[in-house]
Amino acid sequence: MSYKALVEEFRGGVLENVHLGALCGVNDKGEVIYEVGNAEHMTFLRSQRNRFKLFQS
């Protein structure tokens, strides 16, 4: 797995949290045009998929 730091949270100038992940953006042909970490990493949405239900037409 090649996760990258996506978000760093500071409190009082001290690093408190680092959120790791992988993400990618694709064009209308499904080609990866932006990638942070490994875009081929397999992910299971599970309960997180509920947020995407908002975008269904």
PDB file of N, CA and C in Angstrom:
ATOM      1  N   MET A   1       0.847  -1.182   0.000  1.00  0.00           N
ATOM      2  CA  MET A   1       0.000   0.000   0.000  1.00  0.00           C
ATOM      3  C   MET A   1       0.889   1.240   0.000  1.00  0.00           C
ATOM      4  N   SER A   2       0.527   2.180  -0.805  1.00  0.00           N
ATOM      5  CA  SER A   2       1.289   3.426  -0.832  1.00  0.00           C
ATOM      6  C   SER A   2       0.359   4.588  -0.516  1.00  0.00           C
ATOM      7  N   TYR A   3       0.019   4.702   0.744  1.00  0.00           N
ATOM      8  CA  TYR A   3      -0.783   5.841   1.182  1.00  0.00           C
ATOM      9  C   TYR A   3       0.103   7.066   1.295  1.00  0.00           C
ATOM     10  N   LYS A   4      -0.490   8.213   1.077  1.00  0.00           N
ATOM     11  CA  LYS A   4       0.206   9.494   1.207  1.00  0.00           C
ATOM     12  C   LYS A   4      -0.544  10.343   2.234  1.00  0.00           C
ATOM     13  N   ALA A   5       0.160  11.274   2.839  1.00  0.00           N
ATOM     14  CA  ALA A   5      -0.482  12.205   3.763  1.00  0.00           C
ATOM     15  C   ALA A   5      -1.385  13.133   2.955  1.00  0.00           C
ATOM     16  N   LEU A   6      -2.686  13.088   3.228  1.00  0.00           N
ATOM     17  CA  LEU A   6      -3.644  13.940   2.527  1.00  0.00           C
ATOM     18  C   LEU A   6      -3.974  15.185   3.335  1.00  0.00           C
ATOM     19  N   VAL A   7      -4.033  15.036   4.652  1.00  0.00           N
ATOM     20  CA  VAL A   7      -4.378  16.145   5.537  1.00  0.00           C
ATOM     21  C   VAL A   7      -3.495  16.080   6.780  1.00  0.00           C
ATOM     22  N   GLU A   8      -2.961  17.209   7.177  1.00  0.00           N
ATOM     23  CA  GLU A   8      -2.246  17.321   8.441  1.00  0.00           C
ATOM     24  C   GLU A   8      -2.968  18.351   9.293  1.00  0.00           C
ATOM     25  N   GLU A   9      -3.253  17.987  10.539  1.00  0.00           N
ATOM     26  CA  GLU A   9      -3.958  18.886  11.445  1.00  0.00           C
ATOM     27  C   GLU A   9      -3.002  19.331  12.553  1.00  0.00           C
ATOM     28  N   PHE A  10      -2.982  20.636  12.790  1.00  0.00           N
ATOM     29  CA  PHE A  10      -2.114  21.211  13.813  1.00  0.00           C
ATOM     30  C   PHE A  10      -2.962  21.843  14.904  1.00  0.00           C
ATOM     31  N   ARG A  11      -2.468  21.768  16.124  1.00  0.00           N
ATOM     32  CA  ARG A  11      -3.100  22.456  17.252  1.00  0.00           C
ATOM     33  C   ARG A  11      -1.988  23.175  17.999  1.00  0.00           C
ATOM     34  N   GLY A  12      -2.103  24.485  18.054  1.00  0.00           N
ATOM     35  CA  GLY A  12      -1.076  25.269  18.740  1.00  0.00           C
ATOM     36  C   GLY A  12       0.303  25.107  18.130  1.00  0.00           C
ATOM     37  N   GLY A  13       0.359  24.927  16.814  1.00  0.00           N
ATOM     38  CA  GLY A  13       1.633  24.777  16.132  1.00  0.00           C
ATOM     39  C   GLY A  13       2.240  23.385  16.215  1.00  0.00           C
ATOM     40  N   VAL A  14       1.536  22.449  16.858  1.00  0.00           N
ATOM     41  CA  VAL A  14       2.026  21.080  17.004  1.00  0.00           C
ATOM     42  C   VAL A  14       1.196  20.155  16.125  1.00  0.00           C
ATOM     43  N   LEU A  15       1.869  19.320  15.350  1.00  0.00           N
ATOM     44  CA  LEU A  15       1.168  18.355  14.509  1.00  0.00           C
ATOM     45  C   LEU A  15       0.416  17.371  15.388  1.00  0.00           C
ATOM     46  N   GLU A  16      -0.916  17.319  15.218  1.00  0.00           N
ATOM     47  CA  GLU A  16      -1.754  16.475  16.063  1.00  0.00           C
ATOM     48  C   GLU A  16      -2.243  15.228  15.332  1.00  0.00           C
ATOM     49  N   ASN A  17      -2.646  15.353  14.081  1.00  0.00           N
ATOM     50  CA  ASN A  17      -3.178  14.239  13.301  1.00  0.00           C
ATOM     51  C   ASN A  17      -2.663  14.280  11.871  1.00  0.00           C
ATOM     52  N   VAL A  18      -2.458  13.111  11.311  1.00  0.00           N
ATOM     53  CA  VAL A  18      -2.139  12.979   9.894  1.00  0.00           C
ATOM     54  C   VAL A  18      -3.110  11.960   9.316  1.00  0.00           C
ATOM     55  N   HIS A  19      -3.852  12.358   8.302  1.00  0.00           N
ATOM     56  CA  HIS A  19      -4.814  11.473   7.647  1.00  0.00           C
ATOM     57  C   HIS A  19      -4.191  10.980   6.342  1.00  0.00           C
ATOM     58  N   LEU A  20      -4.044   9.677   6.232  1.00  0.00           N
ATOM     59  CA  LEU A  20      -3.422   9.064   5.068  1.00  0.00           C
ATOM     60  C   LEU A  20      -4.485   8.529   4.117  1.00  0.00           C
ATOM     61  N   GLY A  21      -4.143   8.430   2.847  1.00  0.00           N
ATOM     62  CA  GLY A  21      -5.076   7.871   1.884  1.00  0.00           C
ATOM     63  C   GLY A  21      -4.481   7.840   0.494  1.00  0.00           C
ATOM     64  N   ALA A  22      -5.307   7.417  -0.427  1.00  0.00           N
ATOM     65  CA  ALA A  22      -4.957   7.412  -1.849  1.00  0.00           C
ATOM     66  C   ALA A  22      -6.185   7.920  -2.591  1.00  0.00           C
ATOM     67  N   LEU A  23      -5.966   8.707  -3.613  1.00  0.00           N
ATOM     68  CA  LEU A  23      -7.094   9.210  -4.402  1.00  0.00           C
ATOM     69  C   LEU A  23      -6.658   9.432  -5.832  1.00  0.00           C
ATOM     70  N   CYS A  24      -7.653   9.511  -6.693  1.00  0.00           N
ATOM     71  CA  CYS A  24      -7.358   9.812  -8.090  1.00  0.00           C
ATOM     72  C   CYS A  24      -8.543  10.520  -8.712  1.00  0.00           C
ATOM     73  N   GLY A  25      -8.265  11.232  -9.781  1.00  0.00           N
ATOM     74  CA  GLY A  25      -9.294  11.874 -10.581  1.00  0.00           C
ATOM     75  C   GLY A  25      -9.212  11.315 -11.986  1.00  0.00           C
ATOM     76  N   VAL A  26     -10.360  11.159 -12.620  1.00  0.00           N
ATOM     77  CA  VAL A  26     -10.395  10.600 -13.971  1.00  0.00           C
ATOM     78  C   VAL A  26     -11.136  11.544 -14.906  1.00  0.00           C
ATOM     79  N   ASN A  27     -10.834  11.419 -16.184  1.00  0.00           N
ATOM     80  CA  ASN A  27     -11.549  12.218 -17.180  1.00  0.00           C
ATOM     81  C   ASN A  27     -12.787  11.456 -17.647  1.00  0.00           C
ATOM     82  N   ASP A  28     -13.477  11.988 -18.634  1.00  0.00           N
ATOM     83  CA  ASP A  28     -14.717  11.364 -19.107  1.00  0.00           C
ATOM     84  C   ASP A  28     -14.490  10.024 -19.802  1.00  0.00           C
ATOM     85  N   LYS A  29     -13.240   9.677 -20.098  1.00  0.00           N
ATOM     86  CA  LYS A  29     -12.922   8.386 -20.706  1.00  0.00           C
ATOM     87  C   LYS A  29     -12.479   7.360 -19.667  1.00  0.00           C
ATOM     88  N   GLY A  30     -12.453   7.770 -18.389  1.00  0.00           N
ATOM     89  CA  GLY A  30     -12.026   6.874 -17.333  1.00  0.00           C
ATOM     90  C   GLY A  30     -10.526   6.788 -17.165  1.00  0.00           C
ATOM     91  N   GLU A  31      -9.798   7.675 -17.812  1.00  0.00           N
ATOM     92  CA  GLU A  31      -8.340   7.691 -17.701  1.00  0.00           C
ATOM     93  C   GLU A  31      -7.926   8.503 -16.486  1.00  0.00           C
ATOM     94  N   VAL A  32      -6.965   7.984 -15.731  1.00  0.00           N
ATOM     95  CA  VAL A  32      -6.476   8.691 -14.546  1.00  0.00           C
ATOM     96  C   VAL A  32      -5.707   9.930 -14.991  1.00  0.00           C
ATOM     97  N   ILE A  33      -6.144  11.092 -14.525  1.00  0.00           N
ATOM     98  CA  ILE A  33      -5.474  12.348 -14.873  1.00  0.00           C
ATOM     99  C   ILE A  33      -4.829  12.991 -13.654  1.00  0.00           C
ATOM    100  N   TYR A  34      -5.139  12.506 -12.460  1.00  0.00           N
ATOM    101  CA  TYR A  34      -4.550  13.007 -11.225  1.00  0.00           C
ATOM    102  C   TYR A  34      -4.478  11.859 -10.238  1.00  0.00           C
ATOM    103  N   GLU A  35      -3.362  11.748  -9.539  1.00  0.00           N
ATOM    104  CA  GLU A  35      -3.190  10.620  -8.634  1.00  0.00           C
ATOM    105  C   GLU A  35      -2.317  11.021  -7.446  1.00  0.00           C
ATOM    106  N   VAL A  36      -2.759  10.656  -6.255  1.00  0.00           N
ATOM    107  CA  VAL A  36      -1.962  10.785  -5.035  1.00  0.00           C
ATOM    108  C   VAL A  36      -1.963   9.411  -4.403  1.00  0.00           C
ATOM    109  N   GLY A  37      -0.798   8.833  -4.194  1.00  0.00           N
ATOM    110  CA  GLY A  37      -0.733   7.451  -3.726  1.00  0.00           C
ATOM    111  C   GLY A  37      -0.960   6.511  -4.901  1.00  0.00           C
ATOM    112  N   ASN A  38      -1.405   5.314  -4.610  1.00  0.00           N
ATOM    113  CA  ASN A  38      -1.608   4.296  -5.635  1.00  0.00           C
ATOM    114  C   ASN A  38      -3.066   4.262  -6.071  1.00  0.00           C
ATOM    115  N   ALA A  39      -3.357   4.729  -7.285  1.00  0.00           N
ATOM    116  CA  ALA A  39      -4.725   4.759  -7.798  1.00  0.00           C
ATOM    117  C   ALA A  39      -5.274   3.357  -8.036  1.00  0.00           C
ATOM    118  N   GLU A  40      -4.433   2.356  -8.091  1.00  0.00           N
ATOM    119  CA  GLU A  40      -4.867   0.980  -8.313  1.00  0.00           C
ATOM    120  C   GLU A  40      -5.192   0.246  -7.010  1.00  0.00           C
ATOM    121  N   HIS A  41      -5.030   0.901  -5.873  1.00  0.00           N
ATOM    122  CA  HIS A  41      -5.307   0.272  -4.578  1.00  0.00           C
ATOM    123  C   HIS A  41      -6.787  -0.078  -4.476  1.00  0.00           C
ATOM    124  N   MET A  42      -7.097  -1.330  -4.144  1.00  0.00           N
ATOM    125  CA  MET A  42      -8.489  -1.761  -4.037  1.00  0.00           C
ATOM    126  C   MET A  42      -9.093  -1.255  -2.731  1.00  0.00           C
ATOM    127  N   THR A  43     -10.270  -0.678  -2.834  1.00  0.00           N
ATOM    128  CA  THR A  43     -10.958  -0.104  -1.680  1.00  0.00           C
ATOM    129  C   THR A  43     -12.395  -0.591  -1.667  1.00  0.00           C
ATOM    130  N   PHE A  44     -12.905  -0.837  -0.479  1.00  0.00           N
ATOM    131  CA  PHE A  44     -14.302  -1.229  -0.304  1.00  0.00           C
ATOM    132  C   PHE A  44     -15.015  -0.090   0.407  1.00  0.00           C
ATOM    133  N   LEU A  45     -16.092   0.408  -0.173  1.00  0.00           N
ATOM    134  CA  LEU A  45     -16.772   1.577   0.370  1.00  0.00           C
ATOM    135  C   LEU A  45     -17.527   1.298   1.669  1.00  0.00           C
ATOM    136  N   ARG A  46     -18.152   0.163   1.791  1.00  0.00           N
ATOM    137  CA  ARG A  46     -18.960  -0.197   2.962  1.00  0.00           C
ATOM    138  C   ARG A  46     -19.916   0.920   3.308  1.00  0.00           C
ATOM    139  N   SER A  47     -19.946   1.329   4.558  1.00  0.00           N
ATOM    140  CA  SER A  47     -20.936   2.325   4.982  1.00  0.00           C
ATOM    141  C   SER A  47     -20.661   3.711   4.403  1.00  0.00           C
ATOM    142  N   GLN A  48     -19.464   3.954   3.920  1.00  0.00           N
ATOM    143  CA  GLN A  48     -19.151   5.250   3.334  1.00  0.00           C
ATOM    144  C   GLN A  48     -19.946   5.495   2.058  1.00  0.00           C
ATOM    145  N   ARG A  49     -20.465   4.446   1.440  1.00  0.00           N
ATOM    146  CA  ARG A  49     -21.215   4.598   0.194  1.00  0.00           C
ATOM    147  C   ARG A  49     -22.488   5.406   0.383  1.00  0.00           C
ATOM    148  N   ASN A  50     -23.000   5.475   1.601  1.00  0.00           N
ATOM    149  CA  ASN A  50     -24.236   6.226   1.844  1.00  0.00           C
ATOM    150  C   ASN A  50     -24.093   7.690   1.440  1.00  0.00           C
ATOM    151  N   ARG A  51     -22.923   8.241   1.584  1.00  0.00           N
ATOM    152  CA  ARG A  51     -22.706   9.630   1.182  1.00  0.00           C
ATOM    153  C   ARG A  51     -22.843   9.793  -0.321  1.00  0.00           C
ATOM    154  N   PHE A  52     -22.491   8.766  -1.089  1.00  0.00           N
ATOM    155  CA  PHE A  52     -22.573   8.862  -2.538  1.00  0.00           C
ATOM    156  C   PHE A  52     -23.993   8.707  -3.052  1.00  0.00           C
ATOM    157  N   LYS A  53     -24.893   8.191  -2.238  1.00  0.00           N
ATOM    158  CA  LYS A  53     -26.288   8.055  -2.653  1.00  0.00           C
ATOM    159  C   LYS A  53     -26.916   9.417  -2.921  1.00  0.00           C
ATOM    160  N   LEU A  54     -26.361  10.451  -2.338  1.00  0.00           N
ATOM    161  CA  LEU A  54     -26.874  11.817  -2.558  1.00  0.00           C
ATOM    162  C   LEU A  54     -26.739  12.239  -4.011  1.00  0.00           C
ATOM    163  N   PHE A  55     -25.762  11.660  -4.707  1.00  0.00           N
ATOM    164  CA  PHE A  55     -25.456  12.089  -6.064  1.00  0.00           C
ATOM    165  C   PHE A  55     -26.148  11.260  -7.140  1.00  0.00           C
ATOM    166  N   GLN A  56     -26.923  10.255  -6.736  1.00  0.00           N
ATOM    167  CA  GLN A  56     -27.624   9.431  -7.725  1.00  0.00           C
ATOM    168  C   GLN A  56     -28.775  10.231  -8.324  1.00  0.00           C
ATOM    169  N   SER A  57     -28.984  10.036  -9.616  1.00  0.00           N
ATOM    170  CA  SER A  57     -30.096  10.763 -10.261  1.00  0.00           C
ATOM    171  C   SER A  57     -31.301   9.869 -10.426  1.00  0.00           C
TER     172      SER A  57
END
